[in-house]
Amino acid sequence: MNRISYYALKPRLSGQAPITLFQQDEKNELFVGPHVRLAGFPGMAHIETRELAEEYAENIRPVLKRRHGEESDVEVHEIREDGTKRLLDRIQRDSDIVRKRLATGNLSPNKPV
């Protein structure tokens, strides 16, 4: 099976993550999902290109700072896995959501895209 790369956003929060994500925060498994929410590994955004991930990161930085403190930031991480059909579908789906959020400027997790 072919190994593929995709990209995820890892937040660096000023303080602790919300209590519902305490375990993920403690295990260093906290990420940003495609709907601009903090999530564990299963809920993270799987983004197909570094460029798209960087653009998403740049756009959500102000949101993270507002929600989690001025010192909060976000980093792009490359992840390599076996390119299963399920993973490829997930990357496509999440990347489409991220593109729509960027195109519309809709970075509120409560508003559907």
N, C-alpha and C. Protein backbone atom coordinates (compact mmCIF):
# COMPACT_ATOMS: atom_id res chain seq x y z
N MET A 1 0.84 -1.18 0.00
CA MET A 1 0.00 0.00 0.00
C MET A 1 0.88 1.24 0.00
N ASN A 2 0.45 2.25 -0.74
CA ASN A 2 1.21 3.50 -0.83
C ASN A 2 1.03 4.36 0.41
N ARG A 3 2.13 4.92 0.88
CA ARG A 3 2.08 5.87 1.99
C ARG A 3 1.76 7.24 1.38
N ILE A 4 0.87 7.96 2.03
CA ILE A 4 0.53 9.30 1.56
C ILE A 4 0.71 10.29 2.71
N SER A 5 0.82 11.55 2.34
CA SER A 5 0.92 12.62 3.32
C SER A 5 -0.35 13.45 3.29
N TYR A 6 -0.76 13.88 4.47
CA TYR A 6 -1.80 14.89 4.57
C TYR A 6 -1.40 15.76 5.75
N TYR A 7 -2.18 16.81 6.01
CA TYR A 7 -1.76 17.80 6.99
C TYR A 7 -2.86 18.02 8.02
N ALA A 8 -2.43 18.29 9.25
CA ALA A 8 -3.35 18.54 10.35
C ALA A 8 -2.88 19.77 11.10
N LEU A 9 -3.82 20.41 11.80
CA LEU A 9 -3.49 21.59 12.58
C LEU A 9 -3.47 21.25 14.06
N LYS A 10 -2.36 21.56 14.69
CA LYS A 10 -2.16 21.28 16.11
C LYS A 10 -2.15 22.62 16.85
N PRO A 11 -3.13 22.83 17.74
CA PRO A 11 -3.15 24.10 18.47
C PRO A 11 -2.16 24.11 19.63
N ARG A 12 -1.66 25.28 19.91
CA ARG A 12 -0.88 25.53 21.13
C ARG A 12 -1.69 26.56 21.90
N LEU A 13 -2.35 26.12 22.96
CA LEU A 13 -3.26 26.99 23.70
C LEU A 13 -2.53 27.71 24.83
N SER A 14 -3.01 28.90 25.16
CA SER A 14 -2.46 29.67 26.28
C SER A 14 -2.64 28.92 27.59
N GLY A 15 -3.82 28.34 27.77
CA GLY A 15 -4.13 27.60 28.98
C GLY A 15 -4.48 26.18 28.63
N GLN A 16 -5.30 25.59 29.46
CA GLN A 16 -5.71 24.22 29.21
C GLN A 16 -6.88 24.19 28.23
N ALA A 17 -7.03 23.05 27.58
CA ALA A 17 -8.15 22.83 26.68
C ALA A 17 -9.42 22.70 27.52
N PRO A 18 -10.59 22.83 26.89
CA PRO A 18 -11.83 22.59 27.63
C PRO A 18 -11.82 21.22 28.29
N ILE A 19 -12.53 21.10 29.40
CA ILE A 19 -12.53 19.87 30.20
C ILE A 19 -12.92 18.64 29.37
N THR A 20 -13.78 18.83 28.38
CA THR A 20 -14.20 17.69 27.55
C THR A 20 -13.05 17.13 26.71
N LEU A 21 -11.98 17.92 26.55
CA LEU A 21 -10.82 17.47 25.77
C LEU A 21 -9.57 17.35 26.65
N PHE A 22 -9.76 17.23 27.96
CA PHE A 22 -8.65 17.16 28.89
C PHE A 22 -7.69 16.02 28.56
N GLN A 23 -8.24 14.82 28.32
CA GLN A 23 -7.37 13.66 28.04
C GLN A 23 -6.56 13.86 26.77
N GLN A 24 -7.19 14.38 25.72
CA GLN A 24 -6.46 14.60 24.47
C GLN A 24 -5.35 15.64 24.68
N ASP A 25 -5.66 16.68 25.45
CA ASP A 25 -4.67 17.71 25.73
C ASP A 25 -3.49 17.13 26.51
N GLU A 26 -3.78 16.32 27.53
CA GLU A 26 -2.74 15.70 28.34
C GLU A 26 -1.86 14.75 27.54
N LYS A 27 -2.45 14.06 26.57
CA LYS A 27 -1.70 13.10 25.75
C LYS A 27 -1.07 13.75 24.52
N ASN A 28 -1.21 15.08 24.41
CA ASN A 28 -0.70 15.81 23.24
C ASN A 28 -1.36 15.32 21.95
N GLU A 29 -2.65 15.03 22.02
CA GLU A 29 -3.42 14.56 20.87
C GLU A 29 -4.57 15.51 20.55
N LEU A 30 -4.32 16.81 20.72
CA LEU A 30 -5.33 17.81 20.47
C LEU A 30 -5.09 18.42 19.09
N PHE A 31 -6.14 18.50 18.28
CA PHE A 31 -6.05 19.02 16.93
C PHE A 31 -7.24 19.95 16.67
N VAL A 32 -7.26 20.55 15.49
CA VAL A 32 -8.39 21.37 15.05
C VAL A 32 -9.14 20.58 13.98
N GLY A 33 -10.45 20.54 14.10
CA GLY A 33 -11.29 19.84 13.13
C GLY A 33 -11.64 20.73 11.94
N PRO A 34 -12.30 20.17 10.95
CA PRO A 34 -12.66 20.95 9.75
C PRO A 34 -13.72 22.02 10.04
N HIS A 35 -14.40 21.91 11.19
CA HIS A 35 -15.44 22.87 11.54
C HIS A 35 -14.95 23.86 12.60
N VAL A 36 -13.62 24.07 12.67
CA VAL A 36 -12.99 25.06 13.54
C VAL A 36 -13.24 24.75 15.02
N ARG A 37 -13.34 23.48 15.34
CA ARG A 37 -13.48 23.05 16.74
C ARG A 37 -12.23 22.29 17.14
N LEU A 38 -11.89 22.36 18.42
CA LEU A 38 -10.81 21.52 18.93
C LEU A 38 -11.33 20.09 18.97
N ALA A 39 -10.44 19.16 18.67
CA ALA A 39 -10.85 17.75 18.59
C ALA A 39 -9.67 16.86 18.91
N GLY A 40 -9.99 15.62 19.21
CA GLY A 40 -8.96 14.61 19.36
C GLY A 40 -8.55 14.10 17.98
N PHE A 41 -7.69 13.11 17.96
CA PHE A 41 -7.19 12.58 16.68
C PHE A 41 -8.31 12.17 15.72
N PRO A 42 -9.36 11.47 16.18
CA PRO A 42 -10.40 11.05 15.23
C PRO A 42 -11.16 12.21 14.59
N GLY A 43 -11.24 13.36 15.28
CA GLY A 43 -12.03 14.47 14.76
C GLY A 43 -11.23 15.54 14.05
N MET A 44 -9.91 15.35 13.94
CA MET A 44 -9.08 16.39 13.33
C MET A 44 -9.36 16.51 11.83
N ALA A 45 -9.07 17.68 11.30
CA ALA A 45 -9.18 17.91 9.87
C ALA A 45 -8.01 17.22 9.17
N HIS A 46 -8.32 16.45 8.15
CA HIS A 46 -7.32 15.81 7.30
C HIS A 46 -7.25 16.67 6.03
N ILE A 47 -6.18 17.42 5.85
CA ILE A 47 -6.09 18.41 4.77
C ILE A 47 -5.08 17.95 3.73
N GLU A 48 -5.47 18.04 2.46
CA GLU A 48 -4.68 17.40 1.41
C GLU A 48 -3.37 18.09 1.06
N THR A 49 -3.26 19.41 1.21
CA THR A 49 -2.01 20.07 0.84
C THR A 49 -1.52 20.96 1.98
N ARG A 50 -0.22 21.16 2.03
CA ARG A 50 0.36 22.06 3.03
C ARG A 50 -0.16 23.48 2.82
N GLU A 51 -0.31 23.90 1.57
CA GLU A 51 -0.76 25.25 1.27
C GLU A 51 -2.16 25.50 1.84
N LEU A 52 -3.07 24.54 1.64
CA LEU A 52 -4.42 24.68 2.17
C LEU A 52 -4.40 24.68 3.70
N ALA A 53 -3.59 23.84 4.28
CA ALA A 53 -3.47 23.78 5.74
C ALA A 53 -2.91 25.09 6.29
N GLU A 54 -1.91 25.67 5.64
CA GLU A 54 -1.33 26.94 6.07
C GLU A 54 -2.37 28.06 5.98
N GLU A 55 -3.16 28.07 4.91
CA GLU A 55 -4.19 29.10 4.76
C GLU A 55 -5.26 28.95 5.84
N TYR A 56 -5.66 27.72 6.12
CA TYR A 56 -6.63 27.46 7.18
C TYR A 56 -6.08 27.91 8.53
N ALA A 57 -4.83 27.57 8.80
CA ALA A 57 -4.19 27.96 10.06
C ALA A 57 -4.17 29.48 10.21
N GLU A 58 -3.79 30.16 9.15
CA GLU A 58 -3.72 31.63 9.20
C GLU A 58 -5.09 32.23 9.52
N ASN A 59 -6.13 31.66 8.95
CA ASN A 59 -7.47 32.19 9.13
C ASN A 59 -8.08 31.86 10.49
N ILE A 60 -7.67 30.76 11.10
CA ILE A 60 -8.27 30.41 12.39
C ILE A 60 -7.46 30.92 13.59
N ARG A 61 -6.27 31.45 13.36
CA ARG A 61 -5.47 31.98 14.48
C ARG A 61 -6.26 33.00 15.31
N PRO A 62 -6.90 33.99 14.68
CA PRO A 62 -7.67 34.96 15.49
C PRO A 62 -8.80 34.30 16.29
N VAL A 63 -9.40 33.26 15.73
CA VAL A 63 -10.47 32.55 16.43
C VAL A 63 -9.91 31.86 17.67
N LEU A 64 -8.78 31.18 17.51
CA LEU A 64 -8.15 30.50 18.65
C LEU A 64 -7.74 31.51 19.73
N LYS A 65 -7.19 32.65 19.32
CA LYS A 65 -6.77 33.67 20.28
C LYS A 65 -7.98 34.20 21.05
N ARG A 66 -9.08 34.42 20.35
CA ARG A 66 -10.28 34.93 21.00
C ARG A 66 -10.87 33.90 21.98
N ARG A 67 -10.86 32.64 21.59
CA ARG A 67 -11.46 31.59 22.42
C ARG A 67 -10.56 31.11 23.55
N HIS A 68 -9.23 31.09 23.30
CA HIS A 68 -8.33 30.40 24.23
C HIS A 68 -7.18 31.26 24.74
N GLY A 69 -7.18 32.55 24.43
CA GLY A 69 -6.15 33.44 24.96
C GLY A 69 -5.18 33.91 23.88
N GLU A 70 -4.65 35.11 24.10
CA GLU A 70 -3.77 35.77 23.13
C GLU A 70 -2.51 34.98 22.78
N GLU A 71 -2.05 34.16 23.68
CA GLU A 71 -0.81 33.40 23.43
C GLU A 71 -1.07 32.14 22.60
N SER A 72 -2.31 31.86 22.30
CA SER A 72 -2.65 30.64 21.54
C SER A 72 -2.18 30.77 20.10
N ASP A 73 -1.82 29.65 19.52
CA ASP A 73 -1.37 29.61 18.13
C ASP A 73 -1.71 28.24 17.56
N VAL A 74 -1.36 28.04 16.32
CA VAL A 74 -1.63 26.76 15.67
C VAL A 74 -0.49 26.45 14.72
N GLU A 75 -0.13 25.17 14.62
CA GLU A 75 0.96 24.72 13.75
C GLU A 75 0.44 23.68 12.77
N VAL A 76 1.04 23.65 11.60
CA VAL A 76 0.71 22.63 10.60
C VAL A 76 1.65 21.45 10.79
N HIS A 77 1.07 20.25 10.86
CA HIS A 77 1.86 19.02 10.99
C HIS A 77 1.57 18.09 9.82
N GLU A 78 2.63 17.52 9.28
CA GLU A 78 2.48 16.52 8.22
C GLU A 78 2.29 15.15 8.87
N ILE A 79 1.35 14.40 8.32
CA ILE A 79 1.09 13.05 8.81
C ILE A 79 1.18 12.11 7.61
N ARG A 80 1.86 10.98 7.82
CA ARG A 80 2.01 9.98 6.75
C ARG A 80 1.34 8.69 7.19
N GLU A 81 0.50 8.15 6.31
CA GLU A 81 -0.22 6.91 6.58
C GLU A 81 -0.38 6.14 5.29
N ASP A 82 -0.82 4.89 5.44
CA ASP A 82 -1.18 4.10 4.27
C ASP A 82 -2.41 4.72 3.63
N GLY A 83 -2.38 4.86 2.32
CA GLY A 83 -3.45 5.53 1.58
C GLY A 83 -4.63 4.63 1.29
N THR A 84 -5.39 4.29 2.32
CA THR A 84 -6.60 3.48 2.11
C THR A 84 -7.69 4.32 1.47
N LYS A 85 -8.66 3.66 0.87
CA LYS A 85 -9.78 4.37 0.24
C LYS A 85 -10.50 5.21 1.28
N ARG A 86 -10.69 4.66 2.46
CA ARG A 86 -11.38 5.38 3.53
C ARG A 86 -10.63 6.66 3.91
N LEU A 87 -9.30 6.57 4.04
CA LEU A 87 -8.51 7.74 4.38
C LEU A 87 -8.56 8.77 3.25
N LEU A 88 -8.43 8.33 2.02
CA LEU A 88 -8.47 9.25 0.88
C LEU A 88 -9.81 9.98 0.82
N ASP A 89 -10.90 9.26 1.09
CA ASP A 89 -12.23 9.88 1.11
C ASP A 89 -12.31 10.92 2.22
N ARG A 90 -11.75 10.61 3.37
CA ARG A 90 -11.78 11.54 4.51
C ARG A 90 -10.99 12.81 4.18
N ILE A 91 -9.82 12.64 3.58
CA ILE A 91 -9.01 13.80 3.21
C ILE A 91 -9.77 14.69 2.23
N GLN A 92 -10.42 14.08 1.25
CA GLN A 92 -11.19 14.85 0.27
C GLN A 92 -12.35 15.59 0.94
N ARG A 93 -13.09 14.88 1.79
CA ARG A 93 -14.25 15.47 2.46
C ARG A 93 -13.83 16.64 3.36
N ASP A 94 -12.82 16.42 4.21
CA ASP A 94 -12.37 17.47 5.11
C ASP A 94 -11.79 18.66 4.35
N SER A 95 -11.03 18.40 3.30
CA SER A 95 -10.45 19.49 2.51
C SER A 95 -11.54 20.31 1.83
N ASP A 96 -12.60 19.66 1.37
CA ASP A 96 -13.73 20.38 0.77
C ASP A 96 -14.40 21.29 1.80
N ILE A 97 -14.57 20.80 3.03
CA ILE A 97 -15.17 21.61 4.10
C ILE A 97 -14.29 22.81 4.40
N VAL A 98 -12.98 22.59 4.50
CA VAL A 98 -12.04 23.68 4.79
C VAL A 98 -12.09 24.72 3.67
N ARG A 99 -12.09 24.27 2.43
CA ARG A 99 -12.15 25.21 1.29
C ARG A 99 -13.42 26.05 1.35
N LYS A 100 -14.55 25.42 1.64
CA LYS A 100 -15.82 26.16 1.72
C LYS A 100 -15.78 27.18 2.85
N ARG A 101 -15.23 26.81 3.99
CA ARG A 101 -15.14 27.74 5.12
C ARG A 101 -14.24 28.93 4.75
N LEU A 102 -13.15 28.68 4.07
CA LEU A 102 -12.25 29.76 3.67
C LEU A 102 -12.90 30.64 2.61
N ALA A 103 -13.58 30.04 1.65
CA ALA A 103 -14.21 30.80 0.57
C ALA A 103 -15.32 31.71 1.09
N THR A 104 -16.06 31.23 2.08
CA THR A 104 -17.18 32.01 2.61
C THR A 104 -16.78 32.88 3.80
N GLY A 105 -15.60 32.63 4.36
CA GLY A 105 -15.19 33.35 5.55
C GLY A 105 -15.94 32.90 6.79
N ASN A 106 -16.62 31.77 6.69
CA ASN A 106 -17.42 31.21 7.78
C ASN A 106 -16.54 30.36 8.68
N LEU A 107 -16.02 30.96 9.74
CA LEU A 107 -15.14 30.24 10.66
C LEU A 107 -15.82 30.01 12.00
N SER A 108 -17.14 30.03 11.99
CA SER A 108 -17.90 29.74 13.21
C SER A 108 -18.36 28.29 13.17
N PRO A 109 -18.00 27.50 14.19
CA PRO A 109 -18.35 26.09 14.15
C PRO A 109 -19.86 25.84 14.20
N ASN A 110 -20.62 26.84 14.63
CA ASN A 110 -22.06 26.63 14.75
C ASN A 110 -22.82 26.89 13.45
N LYS A 111 -22.14 27.44 12.46
CA LYS A 111 -22.79 27.72 11.18
C LYS A 111 -22.39 26.65 10.16
N PRO A 112 -23.36 25.97 9.56
CA PRO A 112 -23.02 24.96 8.56
C PRO A 112 -22.44 25.60 7.30
N VAL A 113 -21.64 24.83 6.60
CA VAL A 113 -21.07 25.31 5.34
C VAL A 113 -21.84 24.75 4.17
